[in-house]
Amino acid sequence: MADRFDVVVAGAGHNSLVAAAYLAKAGLRCVVLEHRSVAGGNCVTEELTLPGFWHDSCASAHVIIQDSPLIRNDELGLSEMFEYIYPDVVVHLPFPDGSYLTQYRDLDRTVEQFAKFSKKDAVAYRRMMMDYESIKPIFDAVTYTPIGFGKPVNDRLAEHPDGKKWLRRSAQSAWEIIRDNFEDDHCRSFMMWMAFQTVVPPEWPTTGRNAYSLCYGRQRWSWCVPKGGSGAFTGALVKVIEAHGGVVLTDKSVGGLIVEGGKCVGVECADGSRYRADKAVLSTVHIKHLVDMAPREAWGEDFIDGVSTWQAGPTLFVTHLATSEAPRVMGDDGEYSPIAIGTMSTATRGLRMGYDYALGMPNTEDPVLLAVCPTVADPSRAPPGKHTLKIIGFQPYELVQGPEHWDAVKEQVADANLAHLRRFAPNLTPDKILSRVVESPLDLERMNPHNWHGSCHGGAQNAAQSGALRPMPGYAQHRMPIPGLYQTGGTTHPGGSISGGPGRNAAAVMLKDLGHNLDEIVARGRTQTRRLESVK
């Protein structure tokens, strides 16, 4: 029957597509159902402002995924379908006193930037990059291994010569690491800004690794972007699924799970269509919505309690612009246009961000920003000589007046963010702005229901919602309380960002349960590829 598949996948975020691609490669016939008109979830590229201007609607940088076996070993053959760009200049942070700190992909040049402010801090930065390089394979292994399929991170660290140091560092906050290793406030500000780039506040406990890993990743891979936009990546995944007999359907909003005999056997869409799974159902529906798709008693009290205590975490505020010029700032060789610009005036300004969220009021004074202009490195995303620019701020979803108040004030906040960026890129005068689209935290939720309460990362990645506790104790292996139902996406280990980790890990668990092995499937694919190449 047309509505029967081996695996039904609810939602087409990048992790769903990653999982479905591995499952399809194993010979399982998959259907992926997406409520929007485009597949990709938060990893899509769209004409948001004007025709010919292609904007990454949410995710831009693809840094973390570079260390995934998916990309590193080209397990799905994606390298034949699109390419990544690695700019020489990673990010430029200007300061109110006229100075700046630029991260280059060249480590020596970056160290020289720190040395402008402090020779001690320059030594500290190089040392931290080297320290992390020695321990990085352990953290990578944990990230891309399903919970329970290998040793926990602390056990792995205990076996490493420097493991005891990293047990302490991992438990500390990123701020504690930065404060204790750097003396100059410019250097501290840069490190604090960078440590927040996965939207995890650097003052939270257990964020210590972020003080190392986020700088290290960008030092190695730069502000890495797919040529053509984030949608090039998810578009390639769709092609892999379809090439192996799978189907990806858009404008299909999943409204409920079909549970028969205590087992999940399919889904029902809002339009009344039903898709049945002979082997399994995979969900990337946010857990806050997922529990409403089946009777409460089917989930069990432990799961219900875990969902009820789930926290959204910090949220974003985004302005997409079509411009006639890229932002220009002052750098080592005069005026130039980097792909990414960050603002954080002082390290303590970074620490105050948590207070801004707690107030429930937009903060437009001295905002912390990330401005990304991908057309600096990839002109194909805009008409000749024109640019796309995304200005990202950090604002609370829950306003004192309620989240709906964002509709009344979002344009003012966007104006304030642009005015702040102009302090450092004064060429962005009003006549250079051709069009803009503003997305408040509420708008991000409206765009994609997985952005529950405005969180684009599935939920806070704090000590209570990480590792074996994500999404909640007992269910971190992607197997849900209802037999036959599995979960992937940002609400599962290892969490948000473009890593592909939740998707690959979910696929590994499902394949094992269905009598397959992910490593064998990947190896078989490489053998087939070599045979084809030899025939050519």
Protein backbone atom coordinates (compact mmCIF):
# COMPACT_ATOMS: atom_id res chain seq x y z
CA MET A 1 0.00 0.00 0.00
CA ALA A 2 1.15 3.52 -0.76
CA ASP A 3 0.91 4.59 2.87
CA ARG A 4 3.06 1.76 4.26
CA PHE A 5 6.79 2.08 4.85
CA ASP A 6 9.42 0.37 6.94
CA VAL A 7 10.09 3.59 8.85
CA VAL A 8 7.96 6.71 9.18
CA VAL A 9 9.85 9.87 10.18
CA ALA A 10 7.92 12.77 11.73
CA GLY A 11 9.72 16.00 10.93
CA ALA A 12 12.48 16.83 8.43
CA GLY A 13 15.05 18.69 10.50
CA HIS A 14 18.67 17.97 9.65
CA ASN A 15 18.92 15.25 12.30
CA SER A 16 15.79 13.49 11.00
CA LEU A 17 17.24 13.58 7.51
CA VAL A 18 20.62 12.30 8.71
CA ALA A 19 18.96 9.37 10.49
CA ALA A 20 16.68 8.60 7.55
CA ALA A 21 19.64 8.64 5.16
CA TYR A 22 21.47 6.01 7.20
CA LEU A 23 18.29 3.93 7.53
CA ALA A 24 17.60 4.18 3.81
CA LYS A 25 21.16 3.18 3.05
CA ALA A 26 20.52 0.04 5.11
CA GLY A 27 17.69 -0.88 2.76
CA LEU A 28 14.81 0.34 4.92
CA ARG A 29 12.13 2.21 2.98
CA CYS A 30 11.53 5.54 4.74
CA VAL A 31 9.03 8.35 4.42
CA VAL A 32 9.88 11.71 5.98
CA LEU A 33 6.99 14.08 6.72
CA GLU A 34 7.61 17.82 7.08
CA HIS A 35 5.00 20.38 8.09
CA ARG A 36 6.68 23.24 6.21
CA SER A 37 6.90 23.60 2.44
CA VAL A 38 10.66 23.01 2.56
CA ALA A 39 12.59 20.18 4.20
CA GLY A 40 15.45 20.96 6.58
CA GLY A 41 13.89 22.35 9.76
CA ASN A 42 16.28 24.96 11.13
CA CYS A 43 18.82 24.15 8.41
CA VAL A 44 17.28 25.71 5.30
CA THR A 45 18.06 28.54 2.89
CA GLU A 46 15.22 30.73 1.64
CA GLU A 47 14.48 33.98 -0.20
CA LEU A 48 13.33 35.82 2.91
CA THR A 49 13.78 39.44 1.83
CA LEU A 50 13.99 39.98 -1.94
CA PRO A 51 14.15 37.67 -4.97
CA GLY A 52 17.68 36.39 -5.51
CA PHE A 53 18.78 36.98 -1.90
CA TRP A 54 19.21 33.57 -0.26
CA HIS A 55 19.21 33.66 3.53
CA ASP A 56 19.91 30.92 6.04
CA SER A 57 16.64 31.04 7.94
CA CYS A 58 18.25 29.80 11.17
CA ALA A 59 21.51 27.80 11.22
CA SER A 60 24.48 29.34 9.40
CA ALA A 61 27.83 27.96 10.57
CA HIS A 62 28.53 24.23 10.17
CA VAL A 63 31.59 24.02 12.39
CA ILE A 64 30.75 21.25 14.87
CA ILE A 65 29.66 18.78 12.20
CA GLN A 66 33.10 18.90 10.57
CA ASP A 67 34.30 16.50 13.27
CA SER A 68 31.39 14.11 12.81
CA PRO A 69 32.13 10.78 11.11
CA LEU A 70 29.29 11.76 8.78
CA ILE A 71 31.40 14.53 7.23
CA ARG A 72 34.92 13.53 8.29
CA ASN A 73 34.61 10.07 6.71
CA ASP A 74 32.00 11.07 4.12
CA GLU A 75 29.81 8.19 5.27
CA LEU A 76 26.85 9.15 3.08
CA GLY A 77 28.74 10.40 0.03
CA LEU A 78 27.67 14.02 0.56
CA SER A 79 30.99 15.45 -0.64
CA GLU A 80 29.89 14.78 -4.23
CA MET A 81 26.79 16.95 -3.79
CA PHE A 82 27.97 20.19 -2.17
CA GLU A 83 31.08 21.80 -0.71
CA TYR A 84 32.10 23.75 2.38
CA ILE A 85 33.89 27.10 2.43
CA TYR A 86 36.54 27.85 5.07
CA PRO A 87 37.33 31.61 5.16
CA ASP A 88 40.80 32.71 6.30
CA VAL A 89 39.27 35.28 8.66
CA VAL A 90 37.04 33.51 11.18
CA VAL A 91 35.48 36.34 13.19
CA HIS A 92 36.26 39.95 14.06
CA LEU A 93 35.43 41.44 17.49
CA PRO A 94 35.68 45.25 17.64
CA PHE A 95 35.63 47.03 21.01
CA PRO A 96 34.25 50.44 22.03
CA ASP A 97 37.76 51.83 22.61
CA GLY A 98 38.62 51.37 18.92
CA SER A 99 40.68 48.20 19.36
CA TYR A 100 39.72 44.79 18.01
CA LEU A 101 40.62 41.11 18.21
CA THR A 102 40.44 39.04 15.03
CA GLN A 103 40.51 35.27 14.94
CA TYR A 104 42.24 33.89 11.87
CA ARG A 105 42.28 30.27 10.76
CA ASP A 106 46.06 30.58 11.09
CA LEU A 107 46.80 29.94 14.78
CA ASP A 108 49.95 32.08 14.83
CA ARG A 109 48.08 35.11 13.49
CA THR A 110 45.36 34.65 16.10
CA VAL A 111 47.95 34.39 18.88
CA GLU A 112 49.44 37.70 17.65
CA GLN A 113 46.01 39.28 18.10
CA PHE A 114 45.95 38.25 21.76
CA ALA A 115 49.53 39.46 22.19
CA LYS A 116 48.42 43.01 21.28
CA PHE A 117 46.68 43.09 24.64
CA SER A 118 48.69 40.65 26.75
CA LYS A 119 51.70 38.44 26.09
CA LYS A 120 50.49 36.19 28.91
CA ASP A 121 47.07 35.83 27.30
CA ALA A 122 48.66 34.98 23.95
CA VAL A 123 50.55 32.13 25.59
CA ALA A 124 47.37 31.03 27.38
CA TYR A 125 45.37 30.91 24.15
CA ARG A 126 47.93 28.78 22.35
CA ARG A 127 48.25 26.48 25.36
CA MET A 128 44.48 26.01 25.57
CA MET A 129 44.25 25.09 21.90
CA MET A 130 47.00 22.51 22.33
CA ASP A 131 45.48 21.18 25.55
CA TYR A 132 42.14 20.63 23.88
CA GLU A 133 43.66 18.97 20.85
CA SER A 134 45.07 16.22 23.05
CA ILE A 135 41.74 15.43 24.69
CA LYS A 136 39.40 16.17 21.77
CA PRO A 137 39.12 12.56 20.47
CA ILE A 138 37.46 11.55 23.74
CA PHE A 139 34.80 14.26 23.54
CA ASP A 140 34.22 13.52 19.84
CA ALA A 141 33.74 9.84 20.59
CA VAL A 142 31.19 10.61 23.30
CA THR A 143 29.33 13.05 21.06
CA TYR A 144 28.93 10.56 18.24
CA THR A 145 28.19 7.48 20.35
CA PRO A 146 24.65 6.78 21.61
CA ILE A 147 24.25 6.89 25.37
CA GLY A 148 24.99 3.44 26.79
CA PHE A 149 26.80 2.23 23.66
CA GLY A 150 30.23 3.10 25.06
CA LYS A 151 31.97 4.26 28.20
CA PRO A 152 30.66 7.47 29.80
CA VAL A 153 32.84 10.53 29.34
CA ASN A 154 34.18 10.51 32.90
CA ASP A 155 35.32 6.90 32.56
CA ARG A 156 37.07 7.72 29.30
CA LEU A 157 38.75 10.78 30.84
CA ALA A 158 39.97 8.74 33.80
CA GLU A 159 42.01 6.64 31.37
CA HIS A 160 43.75 9.67 29.81
CA PRO A 161 47.05 11.03 31.24
CA ASP A 162 45.46 14.48 31.65
CA GLY A 163 42.03 13.12 32.47
CA LYS A 164 41.94 14.33 36.06
CA LYS A 165 42.46 17.92 34.91
CA TRP A 166 39.63 17.58 32.43
CA LEU A 167 37.27 16.07 34.96
CA ARG A 168 37.60 19.33 36.90
CA ARG A 169 37.53 21.55 33.80
CA SER A 170 34.40 19.86 32.48
CA ALA A 171 32.58 20.48 35.76
CA GLN A 172 33.60 24.14 35.90
CA SER A 173 31.91 26.99 34.07
CA ALA A 174 33.46 28.46 30.94
CA TRP A 175 33.68 31.78 32.77
CA GLU A 176 35.82 30.25 35.53
CA ILE A 177 38.20 28.84 32.93
CA ILE A 178 38.41 32.16 31.06
CA ARG A 179 38.77 34.27 34.21
CA ASP A 180 41.61 32.11 35.53
CA ASN A 181 43.55 31.91 32.26
CA PHE A 182 43.27 35.45 30.87
CA GLU A 183 44.13 38.79 32.44
CA ASP A 184 43.14 41.38 29.81
CA ASP A 185 39.44 42.20 29.50
CA HIS A 186 39.56 42.37 25.67
CA CYS A 187 40.86 38.81 25.59
CA ARG A 188 38.34 37.72 28.19
CA SER A 189 35.54 39.34 26.19
CA PHE A 190 36.54 37.51 23.04
CA MET A 191 36.68 34.17 24.86
CA MET A 192 33.33 34.81 26.59
CA TRP A 193 31.67 35.75 23.31
CA MET A 194 33.01 32.62 21.66
CA ALA A 195 32.00 30.38 24.57
CA PHE A 196 28.38 31.50 24.08
CA GLN A 197 28.19 30.53 20.39
CA THR A 198 26.15 27.38 21.07
CA VAL A 199 23.75 29.55 23.10
CA VAL A 200 24.84 28.07 26.43
CA PRO A 201 25.58 30.79 29.03
CA PRO A 202 29.29 30.63 29.94
CA GLU A 203 28.56 31.11 33.64
CA TRP A 204 26.59 27.84 33.85
CA PRO A 205 28.28 24.90 35.60
CA THR A 206 29.61 22.10 33.34
CA THR A 207 30.26 24.52 30.44
CA GLY A 208 34.03 24.54 31.01
CA ARG A 209 34.76 22.59 27.84
CA ASN A 210 33.12 25.34 25.77
CA ALA A 211 35.93 27.70 26.76
CA TYR A 212 38.22 25.41 24.75
CA SER A 213 36.14 23.59 22.16
CA LEU A 214 34.33 26.46 20.47
CA CYS A 215 37.53 28.44 19.86
CA TYR A 216 39.31 25.27 18.81
CA GLY A 217 36.63 24.30 16.32
CA ARG A 218 36.61 27.68 14.64
CA GLN A 219 40.39 27.86 14.77
CA ARG A 220 40.49 24.60 12.80
CA TRP A 221 37.44 24.91 10.54
CA SER A 222 36.88 28.69 10.45
CA TRP A 223 33.36 30.13 10.15
CA CYS A 224 32.57 27.17 7.94
CA VAL A 225 29.53 27.52 5.65
CA PRO A 226 28.09 25.37 2.86
CA LYS A 227 28.34 26.90 -0.59
CA GLY A 228 24.83 27.94 -1.54
CA GLY A 229 23.62 28.03 2.06
CA SER A 230 22.66 25.63 4.83
CA GLY A 231 19.95 24.22 2.60
CA ALA A 232 22.63 22.71 0.36
CA PHE A 233 23.43 20.28 3.17
CA THR A 234 19.87 19.21 3.91
CA GLY A 235 19.06 19.15 0.20
CA ALA A 236 21.89 16.65 -0.28
CA LEU A 237 20.48 14.47 2.52
CA VAL A 238 17.09 14.45 0.79
CA LYS A 239 18.80 13.22 -2.40
CA VAL A 240 20.48 10.39 -0.49
CA ILE A 241 17.16 9.29 1.00
CA GLU A 242 15.40 9.40 -2.36
CA ALA A 243 18.28 7.61 -4.11
CA HIS A 244 17.76 4.68 -1.73
CA GLY A 245 14.01 4.42 -2.30
CA GLY A 246 12.85 6.83 0.41
CA VAL A 247 10.28 9.61 0.13
CA VAL A 248 10.35 13.13 1.59
CA LEU A 249 6.98 14.89 1.71
CA THR A 250 6.48 18.56 2.64
CA ASP A 251 3.31 20.34 3.79
CA LYS A 252 2.58 17.29 5.93
CA SER A 253 1.99 18.31 9.54
CA VAL A 254 1.99 15.31 11.88
CA GLY A 255 -0.86 15.67 14.35
CA GLY A 256 -0.87 12.35 16.18
CA LEU A 257 0.75 8.98 16.67
CA ILE A 258 -1.05 5.76 15.71
CA VAL A 259 -0.77 3.42 18.72
CA GLU A 260 -2.14 -0.08 18.42
CA GLY A 261 -1.66 -2.86 20.95
CA GLY A 262 0.60 -0.57 22.96
CA LYS A 263 2.96 -0.06 20.01
CA CYS A 264 3.51 2.98 17.78
CA VAL A 265 2.74 1.82 14.22
CA GLY A 266 2.48 5.09 12.34
CA VAL A 267 1.34 8.72 12.34
CA GLU A 268 -1.69 10.71 11.31
CA CYS A 269 -1.30 14.10 9.63
CA ALA A 270 -3.44 17.20 10.08
CA ASP A 271 -4.89 16.70 6.60
CA GLY A 272 -6.23 13.27 7.60
CA SER A 273 -3.62 11.22 5.75
CA ARG A 274 -2.08 8.29 7.63
CA TYR A 275 1.34 6.69 7.23
CA ARG A 276 1.98 3.29 8.74
CA ALA A 277 5.36 1.88 9.73
CA ASP A 278 6.07 -1.82 9.54
CA LYS A 279 9.22 -1.51 11.65
CA ALA A 280 9.51 1.83 13.50
CA VAL A 281 8.51 5.47 13.81
CA LEU A 282 11.16 8.16 14.30
CA SER A 283 10.16 11.56 15.71
CA THR A 284 11.88 14.90 15.78
CA VAL A 285 8.75 16.57 17.14
CA HIS A 286 9.67 18.58 20.23
CA ILE A 287 8.97 16.53 23.34
CA LYS A 288 6.69 19.29 24.66
CA HIS A 289 4.41 18.61 21.67
CA LEU A 290 5.11 14.90 21.30
CA VAL A 291 3.37 14.01 24.58
CA ASP A 292 0.12 15.45 23.22
CA MET A 293 0.17 13.08 20.25
CA ALA A 294 -0.72 9.92 22.21
CA PRO A 295 -2.79 9.15 25.33
CA ARG A 296 -1.09 10.27 28.54
CA GLU A 297 -1.07 6.76 30.00
CA ALA A 298 1.03 5.54 27.07
CA TRP A 299 4.01 7.63 28.19
CA GLY A 300 4.33 6.75 31.86
CA GLU A 301 4.76 9.17 34.74
CA ASP A 302 8.58 9.33 34.55
CA PHE A 303 8.45 10.58 30.98
CA ILE A 304 5.59 13.00 31.66
CA ASP A 305 7.52 14.43 34.61
CA GLY A 306 10.62 14.86 32.48
CA VAL A 307 8.64 16.76 29.86
CA SER A 308 6.92 18.97 32.44
CA THR A 309 10.27 20.08 33.89
CA TRP A 310 11.96 20.65 30.51
CA GLN A 311 13.50 24.14 30.17
CA ALA A 312 13.80 26.08 26.90
CA GLY A 313 17.02 27.95 27.67
CA PRO A 314 18.33 31.16 26.04
CA THR A 315 16.63 32.41 22.89
CA LEU A 316 17.64 34.39 19.82
CA PHE A 317 16.44 37.55 18.07
CA VAL A 318 17.26 37.71 14.36
CA THR A 319 17.21 40.34 11.63
CA HIS A 320 17.74 39.26 8.01
CA LEU A 321 18.82 42.02 5.64
CA ALA A 322 19.38 42.39 1.92
CA THR A 323 22.10 45.01 1.45
CA SER A 324 24.04 46.74 -1.31
CA GLU A 325 27.26 46.50 0.70
CA ALA A 326 28.83 44.13 3.19
CA PRO A 327 29.67 45.55 6.64
CA ARG A 328 33.17 47.05 6.64
CA VAL A 329 35.30 47.26 9.78
CA MET A 330 38.85 48.36 10.57
CA GLY A 331 41.35 45.50 10.68
CA ASP A 332 45.06 44.83 10.40
CA ASP A 333 45.24 45.93 6.75
CA GLY A 334 42.69 48.71 6.93
CA GLU A 335 39.01 48.54 6.13
CA TYR A 336 37.64 45.12 5.15
CA SER A 337 34.59 42.83 5.31
CA PRO A 338 34.82 39.67 7.46
CA ILE A 339 32.23 36.91 7.22
CA ALA A 340 31.40 37.23 10.94
CA ILE A 341 31.46 40.15 13.37
CA GLY A 342 30.83 39.81 17.09
CA THR A 343 30.19 42.40 19.78
CA MET A 344 30.67 42.01 23.51
CA SER A 345 32.03 45.18 25.08
CA THR A 346 33.31 43.60 28.29
CA ALA A 347 33.49 40.16 29.86
CA THR A 348 31.06 41.21 32.58
CA ARG A 349 28.58 42.27 29.88
CA GLY A 350 28.50 38.61 28.94
CA LEU A 351 27.78 37.66 32.52
CA ARG A 352 24.84 40.09 32.63
CA MET A 353 23.04 38.32 29.81
CA GLY A 354 21.45 35.87 32.24
CA TYR A 355 20.04 38.83 34.16
CA ASP A 356 18.63 40.27 30.91
CA TYR A 357 16.67 37.06 30.34
CA ALA A 358 15.43 37.02 33.92
CA LEU A 359 14.08 40.58 33.63
CA GLY A 360 11.75 39.60 30.80
CA MET A 361 12.43 42.85 28.97
CA PRO A 362 14.28 43.53 25.69
CA ASN A 363 17.76 44.91 26.33
CA THR A 364 18.83 47.30 23.59
CA GLU A 365 21.73 48.98 25.38
CA ASP A 366 25.15 47.57 24.54
CA PRO A 367 23.71 44.40 22.99
CA VAL A 368 25.77 41.26 22.48
CA LEU A 369 25.56 40.48 18.76
CA LEU A 370 26.69 38.14 16.01
CA ALA A 371 26.52 39.53 12.48
CA VAL A 372 27.07 37.03 9.65
CA CYS A 373 27.53 38.09 6.03
CA PRO A 374 27.98 34.80 4.15
CA THR A 375 28.06 36.49 0.74
CA VAL A 376 31.56 37.78 1.62
CA ALA A 377 32.74 34.19 1.11
CA ASP A 378 29.91 32.93 -1.11
CA PRO A 379 28.70 35.56 -3.62
CA SER A 380 26.30 33.03 -5.16
CA ARG A 381 23.74 33.77 -2.45
CA ALA A 382 22.87 37.27 -3.73
CA PRO A 383 22.73 39.24 -7.01
CA PRO A 384 26.13 40.56 -8.22
CA GLY A 385 27.57 43.11 -5.83
CA LYS A 386 24.80 42.61 -3.28
CA HIS A 387 24.84 40.83 0.09
CA THR A 388 22.80 38.98 2.68
CA LEU A 389 23.37 39.91 6.30
CA LYS A 390 22.02 38.31 9.45
CA ILE A 391 22.22 40.12 12.79
CA ILE A 392 21.64 37.83 15.77
CA GLY A 393 20.92 39.17 19.23
CA PHE A 394 19.93 37.41 22.42
CA GLN A 395 16.57 38.29 23.92
CA PRO A 396 14.04 36.58 26.24
CA TYR A 397 11.00 34.78 24.86
CA GLU A 398 9.00 35.43 28.02
CA LEU A 399 8.42 39.18 28.22
CA VAL A 400 6.75 40.74 31.24
CA GLN A 401 3.77 41.58 29.03
CA GLY A 402 3.75 38.07 27.54
CA PRO A 403 5.56 36.72 24.45
CA GLU A 404 2.90 38.23 22.15
CA HIS A 405 4.29 41.66 23.05
CA TRP A 406 7.18 40.92 20.71
CA ASP A 407 4.94 41.82 17.78
CA ALA A 408 4.73 45.39 19.10
CA VAL A 409 8.40 45.96 19.90
CA LYS A 410 10.48 43.77 17.58
CA GLU A 411 11.10 46.47 14.97
CA GLN A 412 12.49 48.79 17.67
CA VAL A 413 14.83 46.08 18.91
CA ALA A 414 15.98 45.35 15.35
CA ASP A 415 16.68 49.10 14.88
CA ALA A 416 18.75 49.17 18.08
CA ASN A 417 20.79 46.12 17.06
CA LEU A 418 21.52 47.59 13.64
CA ALA A 419 22.48 50.94 15.21
CA HIS A 420 24.90 49.15 17.53
CA LEU A 421 26.51 47.29 14.63
CA ARG A 422 26.89 50.62 12.78
CA ARG A 423 29.17 51.83 15.57
CA PHE A 424 31.76 49.42 14.18
CA ALA A 425 30.58 49.18 10.54
CA PRO A 426 29.49 52.77 9.77
CA ASN A 427 29.09 52.07 6.05
CA LEU A 428 25.76 50.32 6.77
CA THR A 429 23.81 53.55 6.33
CA PRO A 430 20.03 53.37 5.75
CA ASP A 431 20.42 53.68 1.98
CA LYS A 432 22.48 50.44 1.95
CA ILE A 433 19.57 48.46 3.44
CA LEU A 434 17.40 47.17 0.60
CA SER A 435 15.00 45.06 2.66
CA ARG A 436 14.76 43.32 6.01
CA VAL A 437 12.79 40.65 7.85
CA VAL A 438 12.75 40.58 11.66
CA GLU A 439 12.28 37.36 13.65
CA SER A 440 11.65 37.64 17.38
CA PRO A 441 11.88 34.58 19.64
CA LEU A 442 8.11 34.25 19.18
CA ASP A 443 8.50 34.37 15.39
CA LEU A 444 11.13 31.62 15.53
CA GLU A 445 8.62 29.44 17.36
CA ARG A 446 5.94 30.25 14.79
CA MET A 447 8.31 29.36 11.96
CA ASN A 448 9.21 25.97 13.41
CA PRO A 449 7.29 24.39 16.33
CA HIS A 450 10.50 22.59 17.31
CA ASN A 451 11.74 26.03 18.42
CA TRP A 452 9.62 25.68 21.54
CA HIS A 453 9.56 28.98 23.46
CA GLY A 454 11.99 30.39 20.91
CA SER A 455 14.84 27.95 21.58
CA CYS A 456 16.48 26.87 18.31
CA HIS A 457 18.52 24.20 20.09
CA GLY A 458 15.67 22.05 21.37
CA GLY A 459 16.09 23.27 24.93
CA ALA A 460 18.68 24.36 27.45
CA GLN A 461 21.92 22.37 27.42
CA ASN A 462 22.54 22.61 31.13
CA ALA A 463 23.63 19.99 33.67
CA ALA A 464 20.04 18.80 34.09
CA GLN A 465 19.45 18.37 30.35
CA SER A 466 22.70 16.92 29.00
CA GLY A 467 24.13 13.49 28.26
CA ALA A 468 22.16 10.70 29.89
CA LEU A 469 19.63 13.28 31.14
CA ARG A 470 18.64 14.44 27.63
CA PRO A 471 15.73 14.46 27.18
CA MET A 472 15.31 12.79 30.60
CA PRO A 473 16.75 9.92 32.64
CA GLY A 474 15.96 6.50 31.20
CA TYR A 475 15.18 7.73 27.69
CA ALA A 476 18.50 9.09 26.43
CA GLN A 477 19.02 6.16 24.05
CA HIS A 478 16.46 7.58 21.60
CA ARG A 479 13.96 4.85 22.52
CA MET A 480 10.70 6.38 23.74
CA PRO A 481 8.31 4.83 26.33
CA ILE A 482 5.97 3.67 23.56
CA PRO A 483 7.50 0.62 21.84
CA GLY A 484 8.29 1.23 18.19
CA LEU A 485 8.80 4.99 18.71
CA TYR A 486 12.21 6.66 18.62
CA GLN A 487 13.27 10.29 19.11
CA THR A 488 16.00 12.41 17.52
CA GLY A 489 16.70 16.12 17.08
CA GLY A 490 17.91 18.82 19.45
CA THR A 491 16.01 17.43 22.44
CA THR A 492 18.27 14.37 22.41
CA HIS A 493 21.98 13.73 23.01
CA PRO A 494 24.25 15.54 22.19
CA GLY A 495 21.80 18.45 21.79
CA GLY A 496 21.38 21.43 19.47
CA SER A 497 23.61 23.03 16.82
CA ILE A 498 24.44 21.60 13.42
CA SER A 499 26.29 18.47 14.49
CA GLY A 500 24.25 15.65 12.99
CA GLY A 501 25.01 13.84 16.26
CA PRO A 502 21.40 13.19 17.37
CA GLY A 503 20.54 11.90 13.90
CA ARG A 504 23.52 9.59 13.52
CA ASN A 505 23.14 8.29 17.09
CA ALA A 506 19.42 7.63 16.66
CA ALA A 507 20.14 5.75 13.43
CA ALA A 508 22.73 3.59 15.21
CA VAL A 509 20.21 2.63 17.92
CA MET A 510 17.39 1.93 15.48
CA LEU A 511 19.61 -0.11 13.17
CA LYS A 512 20.79 -2.24 16.08
CA ASP A 513 17.21 -2.85 17.21
CA LEU A 514 16.24 -3.79 13.66
CA GLY A 515 19.09 -6.25 13.21
CA HIS A 516 21.58 -4.05 11.38
CA ASN A 517 24.87 -2.36 12.22
CA LEU A 518 25.67 1.21 11.24
CA ASP A 519 29.42 0.62 10.85
CA GLU A 520 28.84 -2.37 8.58
CA ILE A 521 26.41 -0.38 6.43
CA VAL A 522 28.90 2.47 6.08
CA ALA A 523 31.71 0.03 5.22
CA ARG A 524 29.47 -1.72 2.67
CA GLY A 525 28.73 1.62 1.06
CA ARG A 526 32.43 2.38 0.72
CA THR A 527 33.02 -1.01 -0.89
CA GLN A 528 30.24 -0.37 -3.39
CA THR A 529 31.69 3.06 -4.17
CA ARG A 530 35.14 1.60 -4.80
CA ARG A 531 33.64 -0.99 -7.14
CA LEU A 532 31.85 1.69 -9.12
CA GLU A 533 35.03 3.75 -9.36
CA SER A 534 37.00 0.73 -10.59
CA VAL A 535 34.39 0.14 -13.33
CA LYS A 536 34.71 3.73 -14.45
